[in-house]
Amino acid sequence: MAAFAVPAAQQARVLLIGIAAALVLRGLFILAGAAAIDRFSATFYVFALS
């Protein structure tokens, strides 16, 4: 965390916020992908190729 100049007292909080944000964004992208597959069946083939 030294590269980002985060004070030692706040490093744990910043790490927790980063992990929470990553989990929320992962959930949103999973839901968006599921909705895209549900709405457009051709999307399934795009995901299959990647």
C-alpha atoms as a PDB file:
ATOM      1  CA  MET A   1       0.000   0.000   0.000  1.00  0.00           C
ATOM      2  CA  ALA A   2       3.014   2.271   0.202  1.00  0.00           C
ATOM      3  CA  ALA A   3       2.845   2.908  -3.552  1.00  0.00           C
ATOM      4  CA  PHE A   4      -0.580   4.495  -3.089  1.00  0.00           C
ATOM      5  CA  ALA A   5       0.456   6.512  -0.006  1.00  0.00           C
ATOM      6  CA  VAL A   6      -2.338   5.054   2.135  1.00  0.00           C
ATOM      7  CA  PRO A   7      -1.752   5.797   5.817  1.00  0.00           C
ATOM      8  CA  ALA A   8      -1.063   2.677   7.881  1.00  0.00           C
ATOM      9  CA  ALA A   9      -4.107   3.337  10.060  1.00  0.00           C
ATOM     10  CA  GLN A  10      -6.440   3.164   7.050  1.00  0.00           C
ATOM     11  CA  GLN A  11      -4.884   0.321   5.064  1.00  0.00           C
ATOM     12  CA  ALA A  12      -7.271  -2.331   6.411  1.00  0.00           C
ATOM     13  CA  ARG A  13     -10.305  -0.177   5.604  1.00  0.00           C
ATOM     14  CA  VAL A  14      -9.110   0.540   2.065  1.00  0.00           C
ATOM     15  CA  LEU A  15      -8.453  -3.157   1.509  1.00  0.00           C
ATOM     16  CA  LEU A  16     -11.932  -4.060   2.790  1.00  0.00           C
ATOM     17  CA  ILE A  17     -13.561  -1.478   0.507  1.00  0.00           C
ATOM     18  CA  GLY A  18     -11.602  -2.808  -2.462  1.00  0.00           C
ATOM     19  CA  ILE A  19     -12.612  -6.404  -1.782  1.00  0.00           C
ATOM     20  CA  ALA A  20     -16.260  -5.438  -1.255  1.00  0.00           C
ATOM     21  CA  ALA A  21     -16.308  -3.414  -4.468  1.00  0.00           C
ATOM     22  CA  ALA A  22     -14.783  -6.335  -6.391  1.00  0.00           C
ATOM     23  CA  LEU A  23     -17.448  -8.703  -5.071  1.00  0.00           C
ATOM     24  CA  VAL A  24     -20.292  -6.314  -5.908  1.00  0.00           C
ATOM     25  CA  LEU A  25     -18.961  -5.679  -9.414  1.00  0.00           C
ATOM     26  CA  ARG A  26     -18.493  -9.399 -10.002  1.00  0.00           C
ATOM     27  CA  GLY A  27     -22.111 -10.013  -9.018  1.00  0.00           C
ATOM     28  CA  LEU A  28     -23.331  -7.228 -11.304  1.00  0.00           C
ATOM     29  CA  PHE A  29     -21.376  -8.580 -14.266  1.00  0.00           C
ATOM     30  CA  ILE A  30     -22.675 -12.106 -13.636  1.00  0.00           C
ATOM     31  CA  LEU A  31     -26.242 -10.800 -13.544  1.00  0.00           C
ATOM     32  CA  ALA A  32     -25.692  -8.700 -16.674  1.00  0.00           C
ATOM     33  CA  GLY A  33     -24.255 -11.688 -18.514  1.00  0.00           C
ATOM     34  CA  ALA A  34     -27.134 -13.914 -17.459  1.00  0.00           C
ATOM     35  CA  ALA A  35     -29.630 -11.276 -18.590  1.00  0.00           C
ATOM     36  CA  ALA A  36     -27.847 -10.925 -21.938  1.00  0.00           C
ATOM     37  CA  ILE A  37     -27.914 -14.682 -22.484  1.00  0.00           C
ATOM     38  CA  ASP A  38     -31.587 -14.798 -21.534  1.00  0.00           C
ATOM     39  CA  ARG A  39     -32.540 -11.954 -23.865  1.00  0.00           C
ATOM     40  CA  PHE A  40     -30.273 -12.694 -26.826  1.00  0.00           C
ATOM     41  CA  SER A  41     -29.634 -16.367 -27.458  1.00  0.00           C
ATOM     42  CA  ALA A  42     -26.765 -15.530 -29.853  1.00  0.00           C
ATOM     43  CA  THR A  43     -24.887 -14.006 -26.913  1.00  0.00           C
ATOM     44  CA  PHE A  44     -24.376 -17.507 -25.566  1.00  0.00           C
ATOM     45  CA  TYR A  45     -22.157 -18.308 -28.538  1.00  0.00           C
ATOM     46  CA  VAL A  46     -20.097 -15.147 -27.996  1.00  0.00           C
ATOM     47  CA  PHE A  47     -19.424 -16.204 -24.395  1.00  0.00           C
ATOM     48  CA  ALA A  48     -18.654 -19.746 -25.548  1.00  0.00           C
ATOM     49  CA  LEU A  49     -15.930 -18.509 -27.885  1.00  0.00           C
ATOM     50  CA  SER A  50     -14.136 -16.436 -25.266  1.00  0.00           C
END
